[in-house]
Amino acid sequence: MRTTLKIEDKLAKALKALAHRSGKPFKSVVNETLQAGLTASNVLPKLRPYAVEPQHMGAVLDYLNLNTDLALADRFEDEELIRKLQLKK
C-alpha cells in the first residue's frame, strides 16, 4: 500500500542511518521497523513457520500404479492432439 507519512526528524535520521549501515532501502528499513514494533507490542501476532506434516496414504497406494496411469494419460493426450490436428484440415 502506498501512503504518505510525516516522520519526526530525529526518527527519519535514525531510519536513514540504519538504512545506510545495513545497505537496505529506506522503505525496507521503515517496514521492518514497524513490523518489529507491532510484533513486540503484541499488536500483530507472531506467525508460526509453515510446516507440512506427511500423511500415510494407506490403501490409495494399493491400487494406484503410476506407470500405467502415466501411460494412459499420455495416450489420452496423444489422441486429443491428433483430434485437434484433424479438425484443422
PDB file of N, CA and C in Angstrom:
ATOM      1  N   MET A   1       0.850  -1.176   0.000  1.00  0.00           N
ATOM      2  CA  MET A   1       0.000   0.000   0.000  1.00  0.00           C
ATOM      3  C   MET A   1       0.887   1.227   0.000  1.00  0.00           C
ATOM      4  N   ARG A   2       0.526   2.179  -0.761  1.00  0.00           N
ATOM      5  CA  ARG A   2       1.280   3.419  -0.838  1.00  0.00           C
ATOM      6  C   ARG A   2       0.584   4.454   0.035  1.00  0.00           C
ATOM      7  N   THR A   3       1.363   5.125   0.891  1.00  0.00           N
ATOM      8  CA  THR A   3       0.807   6.148   1.774  1.00  0.00           C
ATOM      9  C   THR A   3       1.868   7.199   2.059  1.00  0.00           C
ATOM     10  N   THR A   4       1.438   8.332   2.566  1.00  0.00           N
ATOM     11  CA  THR A   4       2.357   9.407   2.937  1.00  0.00           C
ATOM     12  C   THR A   4       2.345   9.556   4.446  1.00  0.00           C
ATOM     13  N   LEU A   5       3.523   9.600   5.040  1.00  0.00           N
ATOM     14  CA  LEU A   5       3.652   9.754   6.490  1.00  0.00           C
ATOM     15  C   LEU A   5       4.507  10.969   6.815  1.00  0.00           C
ATOM     16  N   LYS A   6       4.185  11.612   7.922  1.00  0.00           N
ATOM     17  CA  LYS A   6       5.078  12.647   8.454  1.00  0.00           C
ATOM     18  C   LYS A   6       5.846  12.002   9.590  1.00  0.00           C
ATOM     19  N   ILE A   7       7.151  11.846   9.407  1.00  0.00           N
ATOM     20  CA  ILE A   7       8.001  11.219  10.404  1.00  0.00           C
ATOM     21  C   ILE A   7       8.830  12.310  11.074  1.00  0.00           C
ATOM     22  N   GLU A   8       8.910  12.246  12.384  1.00  0.00           N
ATOM     23  CA  GLU A   8       9.718  13.227  13.110  1.00  0.00           C
ATOM     24  C   GLU A   8      11.149  13.196  12.576  1.00  0.00           C
ATOM     25  N   ASP A   9      11.783  14.361  12.577  1.00  0.00           N
ATOM     26  CA  ASP A   9      13.125  14.492  12.010  1.00  0.00           C
ATOM     27  C   ASP A   9      14.129  13.521  12.631  1.00  0.00           C
ATOM     28  N   LYS A  10      14.129  13.397  13.963  1.00  0.00           N
ATOM     29  CA  LYS A  10      15.121  12.525  14.596  1.00  0.00           C
ATOM     30  C   LYS A  10      14.870  11.058  14.255  1.00  0.00           C
ATOM     31  N   LEU A  11      13.594  10.678  14.097  1.00  0.00           N
ATOM     32  CA  LEU A  11      13.288   9.308  13.688  1.00  0.00           C
ATOM     33  C   LEU A  11      13.708   9.064  12.239  1.00  0.00           C
ATOM     34  N   ALA A  12      13.460  10.024  11.379  1.00  0.00           N
ATOM     35  CA  ALA A  12      13.836   9.894   9.974  1.00  0.00           C
ATOM     36  C   ALA A  12      15.350   9.765   9.836  1.00  0.00           C
ATOM     37  N   LYS A  13      16.081  10.563  10.617  1.00  0.00           N
ATOM     38  CA  LYS A  13      17.553  10.485  10.572  1.00  0.00           C
ATOM     39  C   LYS A  13      18.034   9.119  11.045  1.00  0.00           C
ATOM     40  N   ALA A  14      17.420   8.616  12.114  1.00  0.00           N
ATOM     41  CA  ALA A  14      17.824   7.315  12.638  1.00  0.00           C
ATOM     42  C   ALA A  14      17.514   6.207  11.624  1.00  0.00           C
ATOM     43  N   LEU A  15      16.358   6.284  10.973  1.00  0.00           N
ATOM     44  CA  LEU A  15      15.988   5.289   9.968  1.00  0.00           C
ATOM     45  C   LEU A  15      16.911   5.360   8.750  1.00  0.00           C
ATOM     46  N   LYS A  16      17.242   6.574   8.327  1.00  0.00           N
ATOM     47  CA  LYS A  16      18.161   6.726   7.189  1.00  0.00           C
ATOM     48  C   LYS A  16      19.544   6.197   7.532  1.00  0.00           C
ATOM     49  N   ALA A  17      20.001   6.444   8.758  1.00  0.00           N
ATOM     50  CA  ALA A  17      21.303   5.938   9.181  1.00  0.00           C
ATOM     51  C   ALA A  17      21.295   4.411   9.213  1.00  0.00           C
ATOM     52  N   LEU A  18      20.209   3.835   9.700  1.00  0.00           N
ATOM     53  CA  LEU A  18      20.089   2.381   9.736  1.00  0.00           C
ATOM     54  C   LEU A  18      20.072   1.810   8.314  1.00  0.00           C
ATOM     55  N   ALA A  19      19.376   2.469   7.424  1.00  0.00           N
ATOM     56  CA  ALA A  19      19.327   2.032   6.026  1.00  0.00           C
ATOM     57  C   ALA A  19      20.721   2.087   5.404  1.00  0.00           C
ATOM     58  N   HIS A  20      21.445   3.149   5.703  1.00  0.00           N
ATOM     59  CA  HIS A  20      22.796   3.300   5.163  1.00  0.00           C
ATOM     60  C   HIS A  20      23.723   2.205   5.697  1.00  0.00           C
ATOM     61  N   ARG A  21      23.676   1.958   7.012  1.00  0.00           N
ATOM     62  CA  ARG A  21      24.541   0.944   7.631  1.00  0.00           C
ATOM     63  C   ARG A  21      24.223  -0.463   7.132  1.00  0.00           C
ATOM     64  N   SER A  22      22.937  -0.739   6.944  1.00  0.00           N
ATOM     65  CA  SER A  22      22.538  -2.092   6.553  1.00  0.00           C
ATOM     66  C   SER A  22      22.601  -2.303   5.043  1.00  0.00           C
ATOM     67  N   GLY A  23      22.649  -1.224   4.287  1.00  0.00           N
ATOM     68  CA  GLY A  23      22.663  -1.339   2.831  1.00  0.00           C
ATOM     69  C   GLY A  23      21.292  -1.654   2.253  1.00  0.00           C
ATOM     70  N   LYS A  24      20.267  -1.524   3.077  1.00  0.00           N
ATOM     71  CA  LYS A  24      18.900  -1.797   2.625  1.00  0.00           C
ATOM     72  C   LYS A  24      18.231  -0.491   2.213  1.00  0.00           C
ATOM     73  N   PRO A  25      17.214  -0.581   1.370  1.00  0.00           N
ATOM     74  CA  PRO A  25      16.454   0.621   1.008  1.00  0.00           C
ATOM     75  C   PRO A  25      15.708   1.181   2.223  1.00  0.00           C
ATOM     76  N   PHE A  26      15.523   2.499   2.218  1.00  0.00           N
ATOM     77  CA  PHE A  26      14.832   3.176   3.318  1.00  0.00           C
ATOM     78  C   PHE A  26      13.454   2.564   3.549  1.00  0.00           C
ATOM     79  N   LYS A  27      12.739   2.282   2.459  1.00  0.00           N
ATOM     80  CA  LYS A  27      11.397   1.699   2.551  1.00  0.00           C
ATOM     81  C   LYS A  27      11.415   0.373   3.316  1.00  0.00           C
ATOM     82  N   SER A  28      12.405  -0.469   3.031  1.00  0.00           N
ATOM     83  CA  SER A  28      12.511  -1.762   3.719  1.00  0.00           C
ATOM     84  C   SER A  28      12.788  -1.579   5.204  1.00  0.00           C
ATOM     85  N   VAL A  29      13.672  -0.638   5.522  1.00  0.00           N
ATOM     86  CA  VAL A  29      14.008  -0.390   6.931  1.00  0.00           C
ATOM     87  C   VAL A  29      12.783   0.108   7.687  1.00  0.00           C
ATOM     88  N   VAL A  30      12.014   1.001   7.088  1.00  0.00           N
ATOM     89  CA  VAL A  30      10.806   1.510   7.738  1.00  0.00           C
ATOM     90  C   VAL A  30       9.809   0.366   7.955  1.00  0.00           C
ATOM     91  N   ASN A  31       9.591  -0.462   6.926  1.00  0.00           N
ATOM     92  CA  ASN A  31       8.644  -1.577   7.057  1.00  0.00           C
ATOM     93  C   ASN A  31       9.102  -2.583   8.113  1.00  0.00           C
ATOM     94  N   GLU A  32      10.390  -2.925   8.125  1.00  0.00           N
ATOM     95  CA  GLU A  32      10.909  -3.880   9.109  1.00  0.00           C
ATOM     96  C   GLU A  32      10.800  -3.320  10.530  1.00  0.00           C
ATOM     97  N   THR A  33      11.067  -2.040  10.681  1.00  0.00           N
ATOM     98  CA  THR A  33      10.989  -1.404  11.999  1.00  0.00           C
ATOM     99  C   THR A  33       9.546  -1.370  12.497  1.00  0.00           C
ATOM    100  N   LEU A  34       8.614  -1.022  11.630  1.00  0.00           N
ATOM    101  CA  LEU A  34       7.205  -1.030  12.010  1.00  0.00           C
ATOM    102  C   LEU A  34       6.738  -2.440  12.365  1.00  0.00           C
ATOM    103  N   GLN A  35       7.153  -3.428  11.553  1.00  0.00           N
ATOM    104  CA  GLN A  35       6.788  -4.819  11.814  1.00  0.00           C
ATOM    105  C   GLN A  35       7.314  -5.264  13.176  1.00  0.00           C
ATOM    106  N   ALA A  36       8.580  -4.959  13.469  1.00  0.00           N
ATOM    107  CA  ALA A  36       9.178  -5.354  14.747  1.00  0.00           C
ATOM    108  C   ALA A  36       8.468  -4.683  15.919  1.00  0.00           C
ATOM    109  N   GLY A  37       8.144  -3.407  15.764  1.00  0.00           N
ATOM    110  CA  GLY A  37       7.464  -2.691  16.835  1.00  0.00           C
ATOM    111  C   GLY A  37       6.063  -3.219  17.095  1.00  0.00           C
ATOM    112  N   LEU A  38       5.333  -3.493  16.026  1.00  0.00           N
ATOM    113  CA  LEU A  38       3.973  -4.007  16.199  1.00  0.00           C
ATOM    114  C   LEU A  38       3.971  -5.428  16.748  1.00  0.00           C
ATOM    115  N   THR A  39       4.934  -6.236  16.332  1.00  0.00           N
ATOM    116  CA  THR A  39       5.025  -7.599  16.844  1.00  0.00           C
ATOM    117  C   THR A  39       5.417  -7.592  18.321  1.00  0.00           C
ATOM    118  N   ALA A  40       6.377  -6.741  18.692  1.00  0.00           N
ATOM    119  CA  ALA A  40       6.832  -6.670  20.085  1.00  0.00           C
ATOM    120  C   ALA A  40       5.729  -6.184  21.016  1.00  0.00           C
ATOM    121  N   SER A  41       4.848  -5.318  20.512  1.00  0.00           N
ATOM    122  CA  SER A  41       3.766  -4.803  21.364  1.00  0.00           C
ATOM    123  C   SER A  41       2.522  -5.676  21.296  1.00  0.00           C
ATOM    124  N   ASN A  42       2.646  -6.838  20.675  1.00  0.00           N
ATOM    125  CA  ASN A  42       1.557  -7.814  20.551  1.00  0.00           C
ATOM    126  C   ASN A  42       0.361  -7.299  19.755  1.00  0.00           C
ATOM    127  N   VAL A  43       0.565  -6.267  18.944  1.00  0.00           N
ATOM    128  CA  VAL A  43      -0.496  -5.805  18.059  1.00  0.00           C
ATOM    129  C   VAL A  43      -0.651  -6.804  16.919  1.00  0.00           C
ATOM    130  N   LEU A  44       0.489  -7.308  16.424  1.00  0.00           N
ATOM    131  CA  LEU A  44       0.475  -8.342  15.398  1.00  0.00           C
ATOM    132  C   LEU A  44       0.912  -9.653  16.032  1.00  0.00           C
ATOM    133  N   PRO A  45       0.180 -10.706  15.808  1.00  0.00           N
ATOM    134  CA  PRO A  45       0.605 -11.997  16.375  1.00  0.00           C
ATOM    135  C   PRO A  45       1.837 -12.519  15.648  1.00  0.00           C
ATOM    136  N   LYS A  46       2.684 -13.232  16.377  1.00  0.00           N
ATOM    137  CA  LYS A  46       3.827 -13.876  15.743  1.00  0.00           C
ATOM    138  C   LYS A  46       3.312 -15.084  14.976  1.00  0.00           C
ATOM    139  N   LEU A  47       3.721 -15.188  13.756  1.00  0.00           N
ATOM    140  CA  LEU A  47       3.271 -16.289  12.924  1.00  0.00           C
ATOM    141  C   LEU A  47       4.210 -17.477  13.083  1.00  0.00           C
ATOM    142  N   ARG A  48       3.612 -18.640  13.193  1.00  0.00           N
ATOM    143  CA  ARG A  48       4.414 -19.859  13.264  1.00  0.00           C
ATOM    144  C   ARG A  48       4.920 -20.194  11.875  1.00  0.00           C
ATOM    145  N   PRO A  49       6.101 -20.779  11.790  1.00  0.00           N
ATOM    146  CA  PRO A  49       6.581 -21.191  10.471  1.00  0.00           C
ATOM    147  C   PRO A  49       5.639 -22.231   9.868  1.00  0.00           C
ATOM    148  N   TYR A  50       5.453 -22.138   8.587  1.00  0.00           N
ATOM    149  CA  TYR A  50       4.576 -23.071   7.882  1.00  0.00           C
ATOM    150  C   TYR A  50       5.266 -24.423   7.795  1.00  0.00           C
ATOM    151  N   ALA A  51       4.566 -25.460   8.172  1.00  0.00           N
ATOM    152  CA  ALA A  51       5.130 -26.805   8.118  1.00  0.00           C
ATOM    153  C   ALA A  51       4.090 -27.772   7.560  1.00  0.00           C
ATOM    154  N   VAL A  52       4.571 -28.695   6.774  1.00  0.00           N
ATOM    155  CA  VAL A  52       3.704 -29.721   6.214  1.00  0.00           C
ATOM    156  C   VAL A  52       4.006 -31.029   6.920  1.00  0.00           C
ATOM    157  N   GLU A  53       2.961 -31.667   7.382  1.00  0.00           N
ATOM    158  CA  GLU A  53       3.142 -32.959   8.033  1.00  0.00           C
ATOM    159  C   GLU A  53       2.753 -34.055   7.048  1.00  0.00           C
ATOM    160  N   PRO A  54       3.682 -34.950   6.736  1.00  0.00           N
ATOM    161  CA  PRO A  54       3.357 -36.014   5.794  1.00  0.00           C
ATOM    162  C   PRO A  54       2.297 -36.952   6.370  1.00  0.00           C
ATOM    163  N   GLN A  55       1.427 -37.423   5.515  1.00  0.00           N
ATOM    164  CA  GLN A  55       0.363 -38.327   5.922  1.00  0.00           C
ATOM    165  C   GLN A  55       0.478 -39.620   5.134  1.00  0.00           C
ATOM    166  N   HIS A  56       0.201 -40.740   5.794  1.00  0.00           N
ATOM    167  CA  HIS A  56       0.220 -42.025   5.120  1.00  0.00           C
ATOM    168  C   HIS A  56      -1.019 -42.141   4.247  1.00  0.00           C
ATOM    169  N   MET A  57      -0.829 -42.527   3.009  1.00  0.00           N
ATOM    170  CA  MET A  57      -1.937 -42.593   2.076  1.00  0.00           C
ATOM    171  C   MET A  57      -2.691 -43.913   2.158  1.00  0.00           C
ATOM    172  N   GLY A  58      -2.178 -44.861   2.873  1.00  0.00           N
ATOM    173  CA  GLY A  58      -2.886 -46.111   3.108  1.00  0.00           C
ATOM    174  C   GLY A  58      -3.241 -46.858   1.848  1.00  0.00           C
ATOM    175  N   ALA A  59      -4.504 -47.222   1.730  1.00  0.00           N
ATOM    176  CA  ALA A  59      -4.978 -48.090   0.656  1.00  0.00           C
ATOM    177  C   ALA A  59      -4.898 -47.442  -0.716  1.00  0.00           C
ATOM    178  N   VAL A  60      -4.763 -46.140  -0.785  1.00  0.00           N
ATOM    179  CA  VAL A  60      -4.699 -45.468  -2.084  1.00  0.00           C
ATOM    180  C   VAL A  60      -3.548 -46.021  -2.906  1.00  0.00           C
ATOM    181  N   LEU A  61      -2.419 -46.264  -2.271  1.00  0.00           N
ATOM    182  CA  LEU A  61      -1.252 -46.752  -2.996  1.00  0.00           C
ATOM    183  C   LEU A  61      -1.407 -48.198  -3.445  1.00  0.00           C
ATOM    184  N   ASP A  62      -2.336 -48.924  -2.870  1.00  0.00           N
ATOM    185  CA  ASP A  62      -2.530 -50.315  -3.251  1.00  0.00           C
ATOM    186  C   ASP A  62      -3.050 -50.452  -4.685  1.00  0.00           C
ATOM    187  N   TYR A  63      -3.924 -49.557  -5.130  1.00  0.00           N
ATOM    188  CA  TYR A  63      -4.483 -49.680  -6.467  1.00  0.00           C
ATOM    189  C   TYR A  63      -3.938 -48.642  -7.436  1.00  0.00           C
ATOM    190  N   LEU A  64      -3.073 -47.764  -6.976  1.00  0.00           N
ATOM    191  CA  LEU A  64      -2.515 -46.711  -7.819  1.00  0.00           C
ATOM    192  C   LEU A  64      -1.206 -47.190  -8.423  1.00  0.00           C
ATOM    193  N   ASN A  65      -1.170 -47.284  -9.723  1.00  0.00           N
ATOM    194  CA  ASN A  65       0.052 -47.666 -10.416  1.00  0.00           C
ATOM    195  C   ASN A  65       0.443 -46.499 -11.316  1.00  0.00           C
ATOM    196  N   LEU A  66       1.453 -45.756 -10.897  1.00  0.00           N
ATOM    197  CA  LEU A  66       1.822 -44.544 -11.622  1.00  0.00           C
ATOM    198  C   LEU A  66       2.312 -44.840 -13.029  1.00  0.00           C
ATOM    199  N   ASN A  67       2.956 -45.971 -13.236  1.00  0.00           N
ATOM    200  CA  ASN A  67       3.437 -46.289 -14.574  1.00  0.00           C
ATOM    201  C   ASN A  67       2.287 -46.423 -15.569  1.00  0.00           C
ATOM    202  N   THR A  68       1.273 -47.196 -15.219  1.00  0.00           N
ATOM    203  CA  THR A  68       0.148 -47.373 -16.141  1.00  0.00           C
ATOM    204  C   THR A  68      -0.713 -46.110 -16.210  1.00  0.00           C
ATOM    205  N   ASP A  69      -0.832 -45.398 -15.092  1.00  0.00           N
ATOM    206  CA  ASP A  69      -1.632 -44.166 -15.096  1.00  0.00           C
ATOM    207  C   ASP A  69      -0.987 -43.108 -15.990  1.00  0.00           C
ATOM    208  N   LEU A  70       0.332 -42.977 -15.929  1.00  0.00           N
ATOM    209  CA  LEU A  70       1.016 -42.002 -16.777  1.00  0.00           C
ATOM    210  C   LEU A  70       0.952 -42.408 -18.243  1.00  0.00           C
ATOM    211  N   ALA A  71       1.053 -43.686 -18.506  1.00  0.00           N
ATOM    212  CA  ALA A  71       0.933 -44.166 -19.887  1.00  0.00           C
ATOM    213  C   ALA A  71      -0.461 -43.878 -20.425  1.00  0.00           C
ATOM    214  N   LEU A  72      -1.464 -44.076 -19.610  1.00  0.00           N
ATOM    215  CA  LEU A  72      -2.840 -43.791 -20.015  1.00  0.00           C
ATOM    216  C   LEU A  72      -3.037 -42.294 -20.278  1.00  0.00           C
ATOM    217  N   ALA A  73      -2.471 -41.470 -19.418  1.00  0.00           N
ATOM    218  CA  ALA A  73      -2.563 -40.020 -19.605  1.00  0.00           C
ATOM    219  C   ALA A  73      -1.858 -39.614 -20.895  1.00  0.00           C
ATOM    220  N   ASP A  74      -0.711 -40.214 -21.193  1.00  0.00           N
ATOM    221  CA  ASP A  74      -0.003 -39.927 -22.447  1.00  0.00           C
ATOM    222  C   ASP A  74      -0.854 -40.301 -23.650  1.00  0.00           C
ATOM    223  N   ARG A  75      -1.498 -41.445 -23.564  1.00  0.00           N
ATOM    224  CA  ARG A  75      -2.333 -41.907 -24.676  1.00  0.00           C
ATOM    225  C   ARG A  75      -3.489 -40.940 -24.919  1.00  0.00           C
ATOM    226  N   PHE A  76      -4.155 -40.508 -23.828  1.00  0.00           N
ATOM    227  CA  PHE A  76      -5.258 -39.552 -23.969  1.00  0.00           C
ATOM    228  C   PHE A  76      -4.769 -38.231 -24.559  1.00  0.00           C
ATOM    229  N   GLU A  77      -3.616 -37.788 -24.120  1.00  0.00           N
ATOM    230  CA  GLU A  77      -3.066 -36.532 -24.632  1.00  0.00           C
ATOM    231  C   GLU A  77      -2.751 -36.663 -26.122  1.00  0.00           C
ATOM    232  N   ASP A  78      -2.167 -37.788 -26.525  1.00  0.00           N
ATOM    233  CA  ASP A  78      -1.865 -38.017 -27.937  1.00  0.00           C
ATOM    234  C   ASP A  78      -3.140 -38.050 -28.773  1.00  0.00           C
ATOM    235  N   GLU A  79      -4.157 -38.735 -28.279  1.00  0.00           N
ATOM    236  CA  GLU A  79      -5.414 -38.818 -29.014  1.00  0.00           C
ATOM    237  C   GLU A  79      -6.057 -37.435 -29.174  1.00  0.00           C
ATOM    238  N   GLU A  80      -5.977 -36.623 -28.130  1.00  0.00           N
ATOM    239  CA  GLU A  80      -6.553 -35.278 -28.200  1.00  0.00           C
ATOM    240  C   GLU A  80      -5.782 -34.415 -29.190  1.00  0.00           C
ATOM    241  N   LEU A  81      -4.481 -34.536 -29.210  1.00  0.00           N
ATOM    242  CA  LEU A  81      -3.656 -33.778 -30.148  1.00  0.00           C
ATOM    243  C   LEU A  81      -3.984 -34.177 -31.586  1.00  0.00           C
ATOM    244  N   ILE A  82      -4.121 -35.473 -31.839  1.00  0.00           N
ATOM    245  CA  ILE A  82      -4.479 -35.955 -33.176  1.00  0.00           C
ATOM    246  C   ILE A  82      -5.853 -35.419 -33.571  1.00  0.00           C
ATOM    247  N   ARG A  83      -6.806 -35.439 -32.645  1.00  0.00           N
ATOM    248  CA  ARG A  83      -8.150 -34.931 -32.937  1.00  0.00           C
ATOM    249  C   ARG A  83      -8.109 -33.463 -33.317  1.00  0.00           C
ATOM    250  N   LYS A  84      -7.335 -32.664 -32.579  1.00  0.00           N
ATOM    251  CA  LYS A  84      -7.245 -31.235 -32.874  1.00  0.00           C
ATOM    252  C   LYS A  84      -6.582 -30.985 -34.222  1.00  0.00           C
ATOM    253  N   LEU A  85      -5.563 -31.774 -34.537  1.00  0.00           N
ATOM    254  CA  LEU A  85      -4.886 -31.613 -35.827  1.00  0.00           C
ATOM    255  C   LEU A  85      -5.824 -31.980 -36.969  1.00  0.00           C
ATOM    256  N   GLN A  86      -6.644 -32.990 -36.788  1.00  0.00           N
ATOM    257  CA  GLN A  86      -7.588 -33.398 -37.834  1.00  0.00           C
ATOM    258  C   GLN A  86      -8.667 -32.346 -38.055  1.00  0.00           C
ATOM    259  N   LEU A  87      -9.043 -31.651 -37.019  1.00  0.00           N
ATOM    260  CA  LEU A  87     -10.063 -30.600 -37.156  1.00  0.00           C
ATOM    261  C   LEU A  87      -9.569 -29.424 -37.999  1.00  0.00           C
ATOM    262  N   LYS A  88      -8.264 -29.176 -37.976  1.00  0.00           N
ATOM    263  CA  LYS A  88      -7.692 -28.049 -38.719  1.00  0.00           C
ATOM    264  C   LYS A  88      -7.595 -28.305 -40.208  1.00  0.00           C
ATOM    265  N   LYS A  89      -7.707 -29.564 -40.647  1.00  0.00           N
ATOM    266  CA  LYS A  89      -7.592 -29.885 -42.081  1.00  0.00           C
ATOM    267  C   LYS A  89      -8.769 -29.377 -42.859  1.00  0.00           C
TER     268      LYS A  89
END
